[in-house]
């Protein structure tokens, strides 16, 4: 190999290396953009769940009767029903968590 051929080969390899580094930089930027999009989607879903929960609370308050107009026994029944539903919801959530842990 002549000196010129070696120099040409070195230049070609250095161009190839810079091209690979550029591509790696582009891939990194694209990966960061995808991660940002994924995080935005997760945040949107969390926000939607929050909004649903708040709307449900508003609805509960809107339909909840004025407590002064109700007898004590009826109030106790309603409170017991709320407590029972909360306990059932907690039990279901625990079962769901346990089954998701098992799947992993």
Protein backbone atom coordinates (compact mmCIF):
# COMPACT_ATOMS: atom_id res chain seq x y z
CA UNK A 1 0.00 0.00 0.00
CA UNK A 2 1.25 3.41 -0.86
CA UNK A 3 1.21 6.26 1.57
CA UNK A 4 -1.63 7.97 -0.34
CA UNK A 5 -3.82 4.84 -0.20
CA UNK A 6 -3.30 4.62 3.57
CA UNK A 7 -4.21 8.31 3.98
CA UNK A 8 -7.32 7.84 1.81
CA UNK A 9 -8.35 4.79 3.82
CA UNK A 10 -7.86 6.67 7.12
CA UNK A 11 -9.94 9.59 5.80
CA UNK A 12 -12.70 7.24 4.66
CA UNK A 13 -12.76 5.52 8.05
CA UNK A 14 -12.84 8.84 9.91
CA UNK A 15 -15.76 10.00 7.72
CA UNK A 16 -17.53 6.74 8.50
CA UNK A 17 -16.91 7.21 12.23
CA UNK A 18 -18.28 10.76 12.19
CA UNK A 19 -21.35 9.54 10.27
CA UNK A 20 -21.92 6.81 12.87
CA UNK A 21 -21.55 9.34 15.70
CA UNK A 22 -24.05 11.66 13.99
CA UNK A 23 -26.51 8.80 13.62
CA UNK A 24 -26.03 7.87 17.26
CA UNK A 25 -26.74 11.47 18.24
CA UNK A 26 -29.89 11.46 16.12
CA UNK A 27 -31.01 8.17 17.66
CA UNK A 28 -30.38 9.56 21.12
CA UNK A 29 -32.41 12.69 20.35
CA UNK A 30 -35.21 10.56 18.89
CA UNK A 31 -35.17 8.30 21.93
CA UNK A 32 -35.42 11.32 24.23
CA UNK A 33 -38.31 12.68 22.17
CA UNK A 34 -40.11 9.31 22.37
CA UNK A 35 -39.57 9.17 26.13
CA UNK A 36 -40.95 12.70 26.41
CA UNK A 37 -44.02 11.73 24.38
CA UNK A 38 -44.52 8.63 26.52
CA UNK A 39 -44.29 10.69 29.71
CA UNK A 40 -46.77 13.22 28.31
CA UNK A 41 -49.22 10.40 27.53
CA UNK A 42 -48.82 8.98 31.06
CA UNK A 43 -49.37 12.43 32.57
CA UNK A 44 -52.48 12.88 30.41
CA UNK A 45 -53.90 9.54 31.60
CA UNK A 46 -53.17 10.43 35.24
CA UNK A 47 -54.86 13.80 34.72
CA UNK A 48 -57.89 12.11 33.13
CA UNK A 49 -58.18 9.75 36.11
CA UNK A 50 -57.95 12.74 38.49
CA UNK A 51 -60.65 14.58 36.56
CA UNK A 52 -62.89 11.50 36.60
CA UNK A 53 -62.41 11.17 40.35
CA UNK A 54 -63.17 14.85 40.94
CA UNK A 55 -66.26 14.68 38.73
CA UNK A 56 -67.43 11.62 40.66
CA UNK A 57 -66.92 13.52 43.94
CA UNK A 58 -68.83 16.52 42.61
CA UNK A 59 -71.63 14.23 41.50
CA UNK A 60 -71.73 12.59 44.96
CA UNK A 61 -72.01 15.97 46.63
CA UNK A 62 -74.64 17.12 44.17
CA UNK A 63 -76.84 14.07 44.79
CA UNK A 64 -76.14 13.82 48.52
CA UNK A 65 -79.22 15.06 50.37
CA UNK A 66 -79.10 17.71 53.04
CA UNK A 67 -78.11 15.80 56.18
CA UNK A 68 -80.32 17.87 58.52
CA UNK A 69 -83.45 16.67 56.72
CA UNK A 70 -82.75 12.98 57.40
CA UNK A 71 -83.35 10.95 60.55
CA UNK A 72 -80.38 9.67 62.53
CA UNK A 73 -81.06 6.00 61.69
CA UNK A 74 -81.28 6.77 57.98
CA UNK A 75 -78.00 8.70 58.21
CA UNK A 76 -76.35 5.76 59.97
CA UNK A 77 -77.61 3.42 57.25
CA UNK A 78 -76.26 5.70 54.53
CA UNK A 79 -72.89 6.06 56.29
CA UNK A 80 -72.70 2.29 56.75
CA UNK A 81 -73.42 1.84 53.05
CA UNK A 82 -70.68 4.28 52.12
CA UNK A 83 -68.27 2.52 54.48
CA UNK A 84 -69.22 -0.92 53.10
CA UNK A 85 -68.73 0.22 49.50
CA UNK A 86 -65.34 1.70 50.41
CA UNK A 87 -64.29 -1.57 52.09
CA UNK A 88 -65.46 -3.58 49.06
CA UNK A 89 -63.57 -1.24 46.75
CA UNK A 90 -60.43 -1.62 48.90
CA UNK A 91 -60.75 -5.43 48.87
CA UNK A 92 -61.13 -5.45 45.09
CA UNK A 93 -58.11 -3.18 44.74
CA UNK A 94 -56.06 -5.51 46.95
CA UNK A 95 -57.10 -8.52 44.84
CA UNK A 96 -56.19 -6.62 41.69
CA UNK A 97 -52.80 -5.65 43.13
CA UNK A 98 -52.15 -9.25 44.21
CA UNK A 99 -53.03 -10.64 40.78
CA UNK A 100 -50.85 -8.05 39.04
CA UNK A 101 -47.97 -8.97 41.38
CA UNK A 102 -48.46 -12.65 40.52
CA UNK A 103 -48.30 -11.94 36.79
CA UNK A 104 -44.89 -10.36 37.23
